[in-house]
Amino acid sequence: MDKSQEKQHAIQTAYHLNITAELTPDEEEGGYSVYCPELDIYTQGETVQEAIANLQEAAEGYIEVVGLDQLNLRPKPVIRKEIELMVYA
């Protein structure tokens, strides 16, 4: 690594981001699919832990490729609540 690369590497900043993992059981094949609405990415895993680990890896890779400045992340966490509706059609 030359001096300019060392300098660039030394000034990189780490950011702490929070993303949402929406897990859905796959009733046909087992396991879980997981979706991140902030990044609009999907992945899956055999267990909840594996699905979340796969999402974390996918999100980190996505952010590295797209670039942090291109993301439109919300500045504060959003509270999500699932609401059941009774609809007559």
Protein backbone atom coordinates (compact mmCIF):
# COMPACT_ATOMS: atom_id res chain seq x y z
CA MET A 1 0.00 0.00 0.00
CA ASP A 2 1.49 3.37 -0.99
CA LYS A 3 1.30 6.53 1.15
CA SER A 4 -1.84 7.94 -0.53
CA GLN A 5 -3.68 4.63 -0.06
CA GLU A 6 -2.56 4.50 3.59
CA LYS A 7 -3.82 8.04 4.15
CA GLN A 8 -7.18 7.30 2.50
CA HIS A 9 -7.55 4.09 4.51
CA ALA A 10 -6.65 5.89 7.75
CA ILE A 11 -9.35 8.55 7.35
CA GLN A 12 -12.25 6.20 6.62
CA THR A 13 -15.08 6.66 9.08
CA ALA A 14 -17.19 3.87 10.53
CA TYR A 15 -20.94 4.47 10.73
CA HIS A 16 -23.43 2.71 12.97
CA LEU A 17 -26.68 2.09 11.09
CA ASN A 18 -29.90 0.42 12.18
CA ILE A 19 -31.96 -1.46 9.60
CA THR A 20 -35.17 -3.45 9.83
CA ALA A 21 -35.37 -7.21 9.31
CA GLU A 22 -38.86 -8.40 8.32
CA LEU A 23 -38.86 -12.20 8.65
CA THR A 24 -41.48 -14.42 7.01
CA PRO A 25 -41.59 -18.19 7.59
CA ASP A 26 -41.49 -20.21 4.35
CA GLU A 27 -44.27 -22.71 5.00
CA GLU A 28 -43.60 -24.78 1.86
CA GLU A 29 -39.83 -25.27 2.04
CA GLY A 30 -39.03 -24.30 5.61
CA GLY A 31 -36.67 -21.60 6.75
CA TYR A 32 -37.28 -17.88 6.56
CA SER A 33 -37.20 -15.15 3.96
CA VAL A 34 -36.07 -11.77 5.25
CA TYR A 35 -36.58 -8.31 3.77
CA CYS A 36 -34.95 -4.99 4.61
CA PRO A 37 -37.30 -2.14 3.59
CA GLU A 38 -34.67 0.58 4.08
CA LEU A 39 -32.38 -0.98 1.46
CA ASP A 40 -35.03 -2.92 -0.51
CA ILE A 41 -33.05 -6.17 -0.33
CA TYR A 42 -34.15 -9.75 0.32
CA THR A 43 -32.35 -12.89 1.44
CA GLN A 44 -33.18 -16.08 3.34
CA GLY A 45 -31.92 -18.59 5.89
CA GLU A 46 -32.83 -21.91 7.44
CA THR A 47 -33.18 -20.35 10.92
CA VAL A 48 -34.02 -16.87 12.19
CA GLN A 49 -30.39 -16.39 13.21
CA GLU A 50 -29.09 -17.50 9.81
CA ALA A 51 -31.57 -15.28 7.96
CA ILE A 52 -30.54 -12.24 10.02
CA ALA A 53 -26.83 -13.02 9.55
CA ASN A 54 -27.40 -13.34 5.79
CA LEU A 55 -29.27 -10.02 5.76
CA GLN A 56 -26.45 -8.32 7.64
CA GLU A 57 -23.90 -9.65 5.14
CA ALA A 58 -26.08 -8.68 2.16
CA ALA A 59 -26.70 -5.19 3.58
CA GLU A 60 -23.00 -4.56 4.21
CA GLY A 61 -22.14 -5.68 0.68
CA TYR A 62 -24.95 -3.59 -0.82
CA ILE A 63 -23.83 -0.46 1.04
CA GLU A 64 -20.20 -1.00 -0.04
CA VAL A 65 -21.27 -1.21 -3.70
CA VAL A 66 -23.88 1.58 -3.72
CA GLY A 67 -22.10 3.91 -1.33
CA LEU A 68 -23.37 5.31 1.93
CA ASP A 69 -24.01 8.76 0.46
CA GLN A 70 -26.44 7.26 -2.11
CA LEU A 71 -28.68 5.70 0.52
CA ASN A 72 -31.83 7.43 1.66
CA LEU A 73 -31.94 6.13 5.23
CA ARG A 74 -34.29 7.65 7.77
CA PRO A 75 -32.50 9.67 10.45
CA LYS A 76 -34.54 8.16 13.32
CA PRO A 77 -35.96 4.70 13.92
CA VAL A 78 -39.57 4.20 12.90
CA ILE A 79 -41.97 2.21 15.05
CA ARG A 80 -43.73 -0.50 13.05
CA LYS A 81 -46.83 -2.27 14.22
CA GLU A 82 -48.72 -4.96 12.36
CA ILE A 83 -52.46 -4.23 12.38
CA GLU A 84 -55.08 -6.84 11.56
CA LEU A 85 -58.06 -5.60 9.56
CA MET A 86 -61.49 -7.12 8.98
CA VAL A 87 -62.54 -6.17 5.45
CA TYR A 88 -65.88 -6.94 3.84
CA ALA A 89 -65.83 -6.92 0.05
